C-alpha atoms as a PDB file:
ATOM      1  CA  MET A   1      81.679  92.540 111.673  1.00  0.00           C
ATOM      2  CA  PHE A   2      82.145  91.115 108.190  1.00  0.00           C
ATOM      3  CA  PRO A   3      80.993  92.974 105.056  1.00  0.00           C
ATOM      4  CA  ASN A   4      77.453  91.808 104.248  1.00  0.00           C
ATOM      5  CA  PHE A   5      78.293  91.010 100.615  1.00  0.00           C
ATOM      6  CA  LEU A   6      80.550  88.097 101.599  1.00  0.00           C
ATOM      7  CA  PRO A   7      79.255  84.493 101.739  1.00  0.00           C
ATOM      8  CA  SER A   8      77.985  83.280 105.107  1.00  0.00           C
ATOM      9  CA  GLN A   9      80.868  80.757 105.241  1.00  0.00           C
ATOM     10  CA  VAL A  10      83.115  83.682 106.211  1.00  0.00           C
ATOM     11  CA  ASN A  11      81.832  83.209 109.759  1.00  0.00           C
ATOM     12  CA  GLN A  12      83.807  79.945 109.943  1.00  0.00           C
ATOM     13  CA  LEU A  13      87.095  81.864 110.073  1.00  0.00           C
ATOM     14  CA  THR A  14      88.762  81.778 113.485  1.00  0.00           C
ATOM     15  CA  ASN A  15      92.212  83.232 112.751  1.00  0.00           C
ATOM     16  CA  SER A  16      92.278  86.770 114.151  1.00  0.00           C
ATOM     17  CA  LYS A  17      94.581  88.200 111.467  1.00  0.00           C
ATOM     18  CA  ALA A  18      92.501  86.674 108.678  1.00  0.00           C
ATOM     19  CA  ILE A  19      89.325  88.008 110.275  1.00  0.00           C
ATOM     20  CA  ALA A  20      90.795  91.514 110.509  1.00  0.00           C
ATOM     21  CA  PHE A  21      91.915  91.335 106.885  1.00  0.00           C
ATOM     22  CA  VAL A  22      88.488  90.194 105.662  1.00  0.00           C
ATOM     23  CA  GLN A  23      86.770  92.894 107.693  1.00  0.00           C
ATOM     24  CA  SER A  24      88.802  95.508 105.825  1.00  0.00           C
ATOM     25  CA  ILE A  25      87.496  94.449 102.391  1.00  0.00           C
ATOM     26  CA  GLU A  26      85.772  97.323 100.616  1.00  0.00           C
ATOM     27  CA  ARG A  27      83.517  97.472  97.572  1.00  0.00           C
ATOM     28  CA  ILE A  28      83.016 100.128  94.907  1.00  0.00           C
ATOM     29  CA  ALA A  29      80.333 100.402  92.235  1.00  0.00           C
ATOM     30  CA  LEU A  30      82.793 100.689  89.352  1.00  0.00           C
ATOM     31  CA  ALA A  31      81.644 102.219  86.083  1.00  0.00           C
ATOM     32  CA  THR A  32      83.140 100.466  83.048  1.00  0.00           C
ATOM     33  CA  SER A  33      82.513 100.118  79.316  1.00  0.00           C
ATOM     34  CA  LEU A  34      81.758  96.418  79.849  1.00  0.00           C
ATOM     35  CA  SER A  35      78.230  96.910  81.131  1.00  0.00           C
ATOM     36  CA  GLN A  36      75.510  99.522  81.365  1.00  0.00           C
ATOM     37  CA  HIS A  37      75.527  98.856  85.078  1.00  0.00           C
ATOM     38  CA  PRO A  38      78.381  99.443  87.506  1.00  0.00           C
ATOM     39  CA  ILE A  39      80.359  96.369  88.556  1.00  0.00           C
ATOM     40  CA  LEU A  40      80.554  95.945  92.322  1.00  0.00           C
ATOM     41  CA  THR A  41      84.303  95.497  92.709  1.00  0.00           C
ATOM     42  CA  THR A  42      85.993  94.326  95.903  1.00  0.00           C
ATOM     43  CA  TYR A  43      89.396  95.511  97.041  1.00  0.00           C
ATOM     44  CA  ILE A  44      91.610  96.263 100.021  1.00  0.00           C
ATOM     45  CA  HIS A  45      93.588  99.464 100.510  1.00  0.00           C
ATOM     46  CA  LYS A  46      96.157  99.943 103.273  1.00  0.00           C
ATOM     47  CA  GLY A  47      99.201 102.083 103.964  1.00  0.00           C
ATOM     48  CA  SER A  48     100.339 105.413 102.585  1.00  0.00           C
ATOM     49  CA  GLY A  49     103.329 107.020 100.940  1.00  0.00           C
ATOM     50  CA  GLY A  50     105.686 105.867  98.238  1.00  0.00           C
ATOM     51  CA  THR A  51     104.699 104.519  94.841  1.00  0.00           C
ATOM     52  CA  PRO A  52     101.368 102.662  95.092  1.00  0.00           C
ATOM     53  CA  ILE A  53     101.602  98.866  94.905  1.00  0.00           C
ATOM     54  CA  LEU A  54      98.769  96.930  93.273  1.00  0.00           C
ATOM     55  CA  LEU A  55      98.529  93.193  94.003  1.00  0.00           C
ATOM     56  CA  LEU A  56      96.924  90.848  91.459  1.00  0.00           C
ATOM     57  CA  HIS A  57      95.857  87.364  92.555  1.00  0.00           C
ATOM     58  CA  GLY A  58      95.927  84.086  90.638  1.00  0.00           C
ATOM     59  CA  PHE A  59      93.339  81.978  88.813  1.00  0.00           C
ATOM     60  CA  ASP A  60      90.254  80.976  90.817  1.00  0.00           C
ATOM     61  CA  SER A  61      91.510  82.982  93.756  1.00  0.00           C
ATOM     62  CA  SER A  62      90.851  86.268  95.540  1.00  0.00           C
ATOM     63  CA  ILE A  63      92.511  89.092  97.418  1.00  0.00           C
ATOM     64  CA  LEU A  64      92.606  86.752 100.426  1.00  0.00           C
ATOM     65  CA  GLU A  65      95.769  85.161  99.033  1.00  0.00           C
ATOM     66  CA  PHE A  66      97.540  88.408  99.996  1.00  0.00           C
ATOM     67  CA  ARG A  67      96.300  88.392 103.603  1.00  0.00           C
ATOM     68  CA  LEU A  68      99.869  87.871 104.869  1.00  0.00           C
ATOM     69  CA  LEU A  69     101.861  89.880 102.324  1.00  0.00           C
ATOM     70  CA  LEU A  70      99.737  93.015 101.945  1.00  0.00           C
ATOM     71  CA  PRO A  71     100.020  94.193 105.583  1.00  0.00           C
ATOM     72  CA  LEU A  72     103.813  93.878 105.336  1.00  0.00           C
ATOM     73  CA  LEU A  73     104.044  95.882 102.119  1.00  0.00           C
ATOM     74  CA  ALA A  74     101.674  98.503 103.540  1.00  0.00           C
ATOM     75  CA  THR A  75     104.204  99.373 106.245  1.00  0.00           C
ATOM     76  CA  GLN A  76     106.270 101.152 103.573  1.00  0.00           C
ATOM     77  CA  ASN A  77     103.979 101.830 100.605  1.00  0.00           C
ATOM     78  CA  GLU A  78     100.390 102.571  99.835  1.00  0.00           C
ATOM     79  CA  THR A  79      99.188  99.079  98.904  1.00  0.00           C
ATOM     80  CA  TRP A  80      96.109  97.852  97.056  1.00  0.00           C
ATOM     81  CA  ALA A  81      94.711  94.456  96.146  1.00  0.00           C
ATOM     82  CA  VAL A  82      91.726  93.991  93.834  1.00  0.00           C
ATOM     83  CA  ASP A  83      89.540  91.041  92.931  1.00  0.00           C
ATOM     84  CA  LEU A  84      89.936  90.743  89.171  1.00  0.00           C
ATOM     85  CA  LEU A  85      86.882  90.627  86.926  1.00  0.00           C
ATOM     86  CA  GLY A  86      85.201  87.220  87.181  1.00  0.00           C
ATOM     87  CA  PHE A  87      87.178  86.257  90.263  1.00  0.00           C
ATOM     88  CA  GLY A  88      87.156  86.669  94.014  1.00  0.00           C
ATOM     89  CA  PHE A  89      84.211  88.593  95.424  1.00  0.00           C
ATOM     90  CA  THR A  90      83.872  91.064  92.557  1.00  0.00           C
ATOM     91  CA  GLN A  91      80.398  90.972  91.033  1.00  0.00           C
ATOM     92  CA  ARG A  92      79.886  88.662  88.060  1.00  0.00           C
ATOM     93  CA  ARG A  93      77.410  90.188  85.629  1.00  0.00           C
ATOM     94  CA  LYS A  94      75.715  87.765  83.214  1.00  0.00           C
ATOM     95  CA  GLU A  95      76.110  89.992  80.141  1.00  0.00           C
ATOM     96  CA  ILE A  96      79.925  90.022  80.334  1.00  0.00           C
ATOM     97  CA  ASN A  97      82.255  87.554  78.627  1.00  0.00           C
ATOM     98  CA  TYR A  98      85.145  86.857  80.973  1.00  0.00           C
ATOM     99  CA  SER A  99      88.526  86.909  79.247  1.00  0.00           C
ATOM    100  CA  PRO A 100      91.987  88.468  79.546  1.00  0.00           C
ATOM    101  CA  THR A 101      90.690  91.438  77.539  1.00  0.00           C
ATOM    102  CA  THR A 102      87.722  92.174  79.795  1.00  0.00           C
ATOM    103  CA  ILE A 103      89.901  91.607  82.870  1.00  0.00           C
ATOM    104  CA  LYS A 104      92.300  94.267  81.566  1.00  0.00           C
ATOM    105  CA  ILE A 105      89.518  96.758  80.830  1.00  0.00           C
ATOM    106  CA  HIS A 106      88.079  96.309  84.303  1.00  0.00           C
ATOM    107  CA  LEU A 107      91.537  96.592  85.889  1.00  0.00           C
ATOM    108  CA  TYR A 108      92.260  99.821  84.018  1.00  0.00           C
ATOM    109  CA  ASP A 109      88.959 101.322  85.142  1.00  0.00           C
ATOM    110  CA  PHE A 110      89.714 100.321  88.738  1.00  0.00           C
ATOM    111  CA  TRP A 111      93.194 101.884  88.523  1.00  0.00           C
ATOM    112  CA  LYS A 112      91.863 105.038  86.849  1.00  0.00           C
ATOM    113  CA  THR A 113      89.045 105.501  89.355  1.00  0.00           C
ATOM    114  CA  LEU A 114      90.840 104.815  92.626  1.00  0.00           C
ATOM    115  CA  ILE A 115      94.596 105.192  92.061  1.00  0.00           C
ATOM    116  CA  ASN A 116      95.300 107.170  88.877  1.00  0.00           C
ATOM    117  CA  ARG A 117      99.060 107.321  89.448  1.00  0.00           C
ATOM    118  CA  PRO A 118     101.946 105.188  88.163  1.00  0.00           C
ATOM    119  CA  ILE A 119     102.071 101.933  90.090  1.00  0.00           C
ATOM    120  CA  ILE A 120     104.156  98.906  90.978  1.00  0.00           C
ATOM    121  CA  LEU A 121     102.340  95.792  89.796  1.00  0.00           C
ATOM    122  CA  VAL A 122     102.756  92.576  91.773  1.00  0.00           C
ATOM    123  CA  GLY A 123     101.184  89.557  90.095  1.00  0.00           C
ATOM    124  CA  ALA A 124     101.029  85.993  91.359  1.00  0.00           C
ATOM    125  CA  SER A 125     100.438  83.057  88.990  1.00  0.00           C
ATOM    126  CA  MET A 126      97.680  84.188  86.584  1.00  0.00           C
ATOM    127  CA  GLY A 127      97.939  87.622  88.185  1.00  0.00           C
ATOM    128  CA  GLY A 128     101.471  87.793  86.808  1.00  0.00           C
ATOM    129  CA  ALA A 129     100.126  87.293  83.290  1.00  0.00           C
ATOM    130  CA  THR A 130      97.518  89.972  83.972  1.00  0.00           C
ATOM    131  CA  ALA A 131     100.264  92.330  85.154  1.00  0.00           C
ATOM    132  CA  ILE A 132     102.309  91.678  82.018  1.00  0.00           C
ATOM    133  CA  ASP A 133      99.298  92.206  79.759  1.00  0.00           C
ATOM    134  CA  PHE A 134      98.408  95.457  81.533  1.00  0.00           C
ATOM    135  CA  THR A 135     101.990  96.719  81.285  1.00  0.00           C
ATOM    136  CA  LEU A 136     102.174  95.961  77.569  1.00  0.00           C
ATOM    137  CA  THR A 137      99.012  98.015  76.981  1.00  0.00           C
ATOM    138  CA  TYR A 138      99.639 100.827  79.478  1.00  0.00           C
ATOM    139  CA  PRO A 139     103.434 101.045  79.939  1.00  0.00           C
ATOM    140  CA  GLN A 140     103.230 104.684  81.017  1.00  0.00           C
ATOM    141  CA  PHE A 141     101.255 103.710  84.119  1.00  0.00           C
ATOM    142  CA  VAL A 142     103.599 100.995  85.411  1.00  0.00           C
ATOM    143  CA  LYS A 143     106.940 101.758  87.073  1.00  0.00           C
ATOM    144  CA  SER A 144     108.055  98.211  87.805  1.00  0.00           C
ATOM    145  CA  LEU A 145     106.861  94.604  87.976  1.00  0.00           C
ATOM    146  CA  VAL A 146     107.087  91.799  90.500  1.00  0.00           C
ATOM    147  CA  LEU A 147     106.180  88.378  89.088  1.00  0.00           C
ATOM    148  CA  ILE A 148     105.534  85.597  91.601  1.00  0.00           C
ATOM    149  CA  ASN A 149     105.521  82.123  90.017  1.00  0.00           C
ATOM    150  CA  SER A 150     103.890  83.799  87.080  1.00  0.00           C
ATOM    151  CA  LEU A 151     101.833  82.387  84.270  1.00  0.00           C
ATOM    152  CA  GLY A 152     103.086  83.413  80.847  1.00  0.00           C
ATOM    153  CA  TYR A 153     104.889  80.522  79.227  1.00  0.00           C
ATOM    154  CA  THR A 154     102.885  77.597  80.560  1.00  0.00           C
ATOM    155  CA  ASN A 155      99.134  77.934  80.088  1.00  0.00           C
ATOM    156  CA  SER A 156      95.949  75.905  80.221  1.00  0.00           C
ATOM    157  CA  PRO A 157      95.567  73.012  77.751  1.00  0.00           C
ATOM    158  CA  THR A 158      94.067  74.053  74.408  1.00  0.00           C
ATOM    159  CA  PHE A 159      91.203  71.574  74.792  1.00  0.00           C
ATOM    160  CA  THR A 160      89.615  73.849  77.401  1.00  0.00           C
ATOM    161  CA  LYS A 161      88.475  76.118  74.555  1.00  0.00           C
ATOM    162  CA  TYR A 162      86.226  73.353  73.273  1.00  0.00           C
ATOM    163  CA  LEU A 163      84.467  72.278  76.460  1.00  0.00           C
ATOM    164  CA  PHE A 164      80.695  72.138  76.052  1.00  0.00           C
ATOM    165  CA  PRO A 165      77.787  71.396  78.423  1.00  0.00           C
ATOM    166  CA  PRO A 166      77.702  69.531  80.709  1.00  0.00           C
ATOM    167  CA  PHE A 167      81.462  68.909  80.653  1.00  0.00           C
ATOM    168  CA  ASP A 168      82.291  72.600  81.064  1.00  0.00           C
ATOM    169  CA  PHE A 169      80.277  72.721  84.281  1.00  0.00           C
ATOM    170  CA  LEU A 170      81.811  69.490  85.566  1.00  0.00           C
ATOM    171  CA  ALA A 171      85.347  70.689  84.826  1.00  0.00           C
ATOM    172  CA  VAL A 172      84.787  73.877  86.811  1.00  0.00           C
ATOM    173  CA  GLU A 173      82.898  72.132  89.605  1.00  0.00           C
ATOM    174  CA  TYR A 174      85.957  69.932  90.085  1.00  0.00           C
ATOM    175  CA  LEU A 175      87.820  73.032  91.302  1.00  0.00           C
ATOM    176  CA  ARG A 176      85.250  73.539  94.040  1.00  0.00           C
ATOM    177  CA  GLN A 177      84.877  69.886  94.994  1.00  0.00           C
ATOM    178  CA  ARG A 178      88.593  69.402  95.615  1.00  0.00           C
ATOM    179  CA  HIS A 179      88.476  72.214  98.180  1.00  0.00           C
ATOM    180  CA  ILE A 180      85.385  70.741  99.802  1.00  0.00           C
ATOM    181  CA  LEU A 181      87.112  67.368  99.987  1.00  0.00           C
ATOM    182  CA  ALA A 182      90.206  68.935 101.523  1.00  0.00           C
ATOM    183  CA  LEU A 183      88.068  70.776 104.078  1.00  0.00           C
ATOM    184  CA  ASN A 184      86.160  67.610 104.996  1.00  0.00           C
ATOM    185  CA  LEU A 185      89.380  65.652 105.378  1.00  0.00           C
ATOM    186  CA  SER A 186      90.889  68.345 107.568  1.00  0.00           C
ATOM    187  CA  SER A 187      87.968  68.044 109.982  1.00  0.00           C
ATOM    188  CA  LYS A 188      88.948  64.419 110.581  1.00  0.00           C
ATOM    189  CA  PHE A 189      92.454  65.410 111.691  1.00  0.00           C
ATOM    190  CA  PRO A 190      92.184  67.598 114.798  1.00  0.00           C
ATOM    191  CA  ASN A 191      95.963  67.975 114.963  1.00  0.00           C
ATOM    192  CA  LEU A 192      96.162  69.415 111.448  1.00  0.00           C
ATOM    193  CA  ASP A 193      98.176  72.606 111.177  1.00  0.00           C
ATOM    194  CA  SER A 194      95.733  75.504 111.566  1.00  0.00           C
ATOM    195  CA  LYS A 195      97.520  77.318 108.730  1.00  0.00           C
ATOM    196  CA  VAL A 196      96.516  74.547 106.320  1.00  0.00           C
ATOM    197  CA  LEU A 197      92.872  74.736 107.389  1.00  0.00           C
ATOM    198  CA  LEU A 198      92.894  78.520 107.030  1.00  0.00           C
ATOM    199  CA  ALA A 199      94.427  78.269 103.556  1.00  0.00           C
ATOM    200  CA  ILE A 200      91.662  75.902 102.451  1.00  0.00           C
ATOM    201  CA  GLN A 201      88.931  78.119 103.890  1.00  0.00           C
ATOM    202  CA  CYS A 202      90.314  81.222 102.193  1.00  0.00           C
ATOM    203  CA  ALA A 203      90.847  79.419  98.894  1.00  0.00           C
ATOM    204  CA  MET A 204      87.232  78.297  98.618  1.00  0.00           C
ATOM    205  CA  LEU A 205      85.297  81.195 100.155  1.00  0.00           C
ATOM    206  CA  HIS A 206      84.833  83.084  96.885  1.00  0.00           C
ATOM    207  CA  GLN A 207      83.511  79.922  95.201  1.00  0.00           C
ATOM    208  CA  GLU A 208      80.261  80.410  97.127  1.00  0.00           C
ATOM    209  CA  THR A 209      79.513  83.740  95.429  1.00  0.00           C
ATOM    210  CA  PRO A 210      76.792  84.128  92.757  1.00  0.00           C
ATOM    211  CA  GLY A 211      77.810  83.401  89.165  1.00  0.00           C
ATOM    212  CA  TRP A 212      81.060  81.654  90.045  1.00  0.00           C
ATOM    213  CA  HIS A 213      80.451  78.624  87.806  1.00  0.00           C
ATOM    214  CA  ASP A 214      79.399  80.667  84.765  1.00  0.00           C
ATOM    215  CA  ALA A 215      82.303  83.110  85.038  1.00  0.00           C
ATOM    216  CA  MET A 216      84.851  80.315  85.398  1.00  0.00           C
ATOM    217  CA  ILE A 217      83.424  78.483  82.378  1.00  0.00           C
ATOM    218  CA  SER A 218      83.461  81.695  80.339  1.00  0.00           C
ATOM    219  CA  TYR A 219      87.091  82.418  81.207  1.00  0.00           C
ATOM    220  CA  VAL A 220      88.407  78.861  80.774  1.00  0.00           C
ATOM    221  CA  LYS A 221      86.910  78.630  77.283  1.00  0.00           C
ATOM    222  CA  THR A 222      88.988  81.635  76.141  1.00  0.00           C
ATOM    223  CA  GLY A 223      92.221  79.714  76.695  1.00  0.00           C
ATOM    224  CA  GLY A 224      93.427  82.394  79.093  1.00  0.00           C
ATOM    225  CA  TYR A 225      96.748  84.099  78.358  1.00  0.00           C
ATOM    226  CA  SER A 226      97.874  81.613  75.719  1.00  0.00           C
ATOM    227  CA  ASP A 227      99.058  84.372  73.362  1.00  0.00           C
ATOM    228  CA  LEU A 228     101.270  86.142  75.888  1.00  0.00           C
ATOM    229  CA  ALA A 229     104.587  84.301  75.570  1.00  0.00           C
ATOM    230  CA  ASN A 230     105.722  85.966  72.340  1.00  0.00           C
ATOM    231  CA  ARG A 231     105.139  89.464  73.753  1.00  0.00           C
ATOM    232  CA  ILE A 232     106.880  89.182  77.120  1.00  0.00           C
ATOM    233  CA  ALA A 233     110.247  90.364  75.736  1.00  0.00           C
ATOM    234  CA  GLN A 234     108.635  93.710  74.793  1.00  0.00           C
ATOM    235  CA  ILE A 235     108.621  94.732  78.446  1.00  0.00           C
ATOM    236  CA  HIS A 236     111.576  96.807  79.630  1.00  0.00           C
ATOM    237  CA  LYS A 237     110.396  97.753  83.108  1.00  0.00           C
ATOM    238  CA  PRO A 238     112.532  96.791  86.117  1.00  0.00           C
ATOM    239  CA  THR A 239     111.205  93.348  87.016  1.00  0.00           C
ATOM    240  CA  LEU A 240     111.700  91.082  89.999  1.00  0.00           C
ATOM    241  CA  ILE A 241     110.955  87.407  89.378  1.00  0.00           C
ATOM    242  CA  LEU A 242     110.264  85.418  92.546  1.00  0.00           C
ATOM    243  CA  TRP A 243     109.895  81.659  92.117  1.00  0.00           C
ATOM    244  CA  GLY A 244     109.232  78.904  94.624  1.00  0.00           C
ATOM    245  CA  GLU A 245     111.543  76.079  93.558  1.00  0.00           C
ATOM    246  CA  ALA A 246     109.087  73.403  94.715  1.00  0.00           C
ATOM    247  CA  ASP A 247     106.277  74.704  92.489  1.00  0.00           C
ATOM    248  CA  ASP A 248     104.231  71.699  91.348  1.00  0.00           C
ATOM    249  CA  MET A 249     102.044  73.747  88.986  1.00  0.00           C
ATOM    250  CA  LEU A 250     104.512  75.687  86.829  1.00  0.00           C
ATOM    251  CA  PRO A 251     107.969  74.407  85.820  1.00  0.00           C
ATOM    252  CA  LEU A 252     111.095  76.075  87.148  1.00  0.00           C
ATOM    253  CA  GLU A 253     112.204  76.444  83.516  1.00  0.00           C
ATOM    254  CA  ASP A 254     109.556  79.153  83.137  1.00  0.00           C
ATOM    255  CA  ALA A 255     111.416  81.298  85.674  1.00  0.00           C
ATOM    256  CA  GLU A 256     114.555  81.038  83.540  1.00  0.00           C
ATOM    257  CA  LYS A 257     112.575  81.984  80.434  1.00  0.00           C
ATOM    258  CA  PHE A 258     111.254  85.108  82.145  1.00  0.00           C
ATOM    259  CA  GLN A 259     114.762  86.140  83.158  1.00  0.00           C
ATOM    260  CA  GLN A 260     116.097  85.588  79.642  1.00  0.00           C
ATOM    261  CA  SER A 261     113.222  87.465  77.977  1.00  0.00           C
ATOM    262  CA  LEU A 262     113.030  90.435  80.332  1.00  0.00           C
ATOM    263  CA  ALA A 263     116.153  92.509  79.773  1.00  0.00           C
ATOM    264  CA  ASN A 264     115.842  94.517  82.991  1.00  0.00           C
ATOM    265  CA  SER A 265     115.056  91.667  85.387  1.00  0.00           C
ATOM    266  CA  GLN A 266     116.443  89.656  88.255  1.00  0.00           C
ATOM    267  CA  LEU A 267     115.448  86.177  89.357  1.00  0.00           C
ATOM    268  CA  ILE A 268     115.328  84.924  92.921  1.00  0.00           C
ATOM    269  CA  LYS A 269     114.541  81.276  93.579  1.00  0.00           C
ATOM    270  CA  LEU A 270     112.954  80.471  96.926  1.00  0.00           C
ATOM    271  CA  LYS A 271     113.981  77.197  98.501  1.00  0.00           C
ATOM    272  CA  ASN A 272     111.448  75.006 100.297  1.00  0.00           C
ATOM    273  CA  CYS A 273     108.660  77.001  98.683  1.00  0.00           C
ATOM    274  CA  GLY A 274     105.946  76.019  96.235  1.00  0.00           C
ATOM    275  CA  HIS A 275     103.558  77.873  93.948  1.00  0.00           C
ATOM    276  CA  ALA A 276     102.443  80.553  96.425  1.00  0.00           C
ATOM    277  CA  PRO A 277     105.381  82.316  98.153  1.00  0.00           C
ATOM    278  CA  GLN A 278     103.016  85.096  99.247  1.00  0.00           C
ATOM    279  CA  ILE A 279     101.320  82.528 101.505  1.00  0.00           C
ATOM    280  CA  GLU A 280     104.121  80.056 102.208  1.00  0.00           C
ATOM    281  CA  GLN A 281     106.940  82.550 102.850  1.00  0.00           C
ATOM    282  CA  PRO A 282     105.322  85.998 103.196  1.00  0.00           C
ATOM    283  CA  GLN A 283     108.123  87.554 105.274  1.00  0.00           C
ATOM    284  CA  MET A 284     110.822  86.441 102.840  1.00  0.00           C
ATOM    285  CA  THR A 285     108.694  87.528  99.880  1.00  0.00           C
ATOM    286  CA  TYR A 286     108.200  90.942 101.459  1.00  0.00           C
ATOM    287  CA  GLN A 287     111.907  91.359 102.140  1.00  0.00           C
ATOM    288  CA  TYR A 288     112.865  90.596  98.550  1.00  0.00           C
ATOM    289  CA  ILE A 289     110.203  92.927  97.160  1.00  0.00           C
ATOM    290  CA  SER A 290     111.193  95.692  99.581  1.00  0.00           C
ATOM    291  CA  HIS A 291     114.865  95.381  98.678  1.00  0.00           C
ATOM    292  CA  PHE A 292     114.026  95.388  94.961  1.00  0.00           C
ATOM    293  CA  LEU A 293     111.865  98.524  95.236  1.00  0.00           C
ATOM    294  CA  ASN A 294     114.429 100.350  97.358  1.00  0.00           C
ATOM    295  CA  ASN A 295     117.034  99.752  94.649  1.00  0.00           C
ATOM    296  CA  CYS A 296     114.916 100.610  91.636  1.00  0.00           C
ATOM    297  CA  ASN A 297     115.820 103.780  89.782  1.00  0.00           C
ATOM    298  CA  PHE A 298     112.373 105.168  89.048  1.00  0.00           C
END
């Protein structure tokens, strides 16, 4: 049975592993300084032992992007994934402005409430920028970093700060409509790879939750992590940089910049892989992360 706080579209899932993963989603009423009311925050927690791993998803995404990677990591370490503030299935409260700062506050409160031990942060795309920002603010709570095709050097265009109604709504709605179009097209091709259909379903499920449009508009107008690039070199934690060479969203040059800026880092380029190694090559991604963690001197 699926958690009752998920959109009804969750019933369209047919993949048994995805269903099991979704059924394990939990929710906590998280007290934060951002609101007088607790924020209902969704997460998944599996495994035990070792240094806890915390997975951070990308922009306009959810913990479902780790449905293949998290179970693998949980075989060796206690592993968490959380829906960041304004994203996924975490509650979107109207009184909150959604920005990198409020995301970090919410993430700290989640860590403090449920984990409260030094962690390994694994961030994909925007989640990588979130991981970097968190580490810069709370270095004592982070043992090491894994950045997967991470945001940090390339960011959203500056014009997004100046979007105003109704263009802000239309810009965000475009994100949802492209998934709907992809889903409709997939229904016309019965021989389509089931993995592609599942990826589309998982990518758009959270877009049916209350407040999605408003939270996306609020975040996009902040310009995201546009001020992060000049601070990346301040991080000295052991860092693994994983980068799909066929990424069509972020340039491969960004991977080189991360390696050059982060003194204690190593870069691994994944062939025949795009922007989301955690979905496209989960077994390979797990193996590289596992090897990296086993060789870290904590």
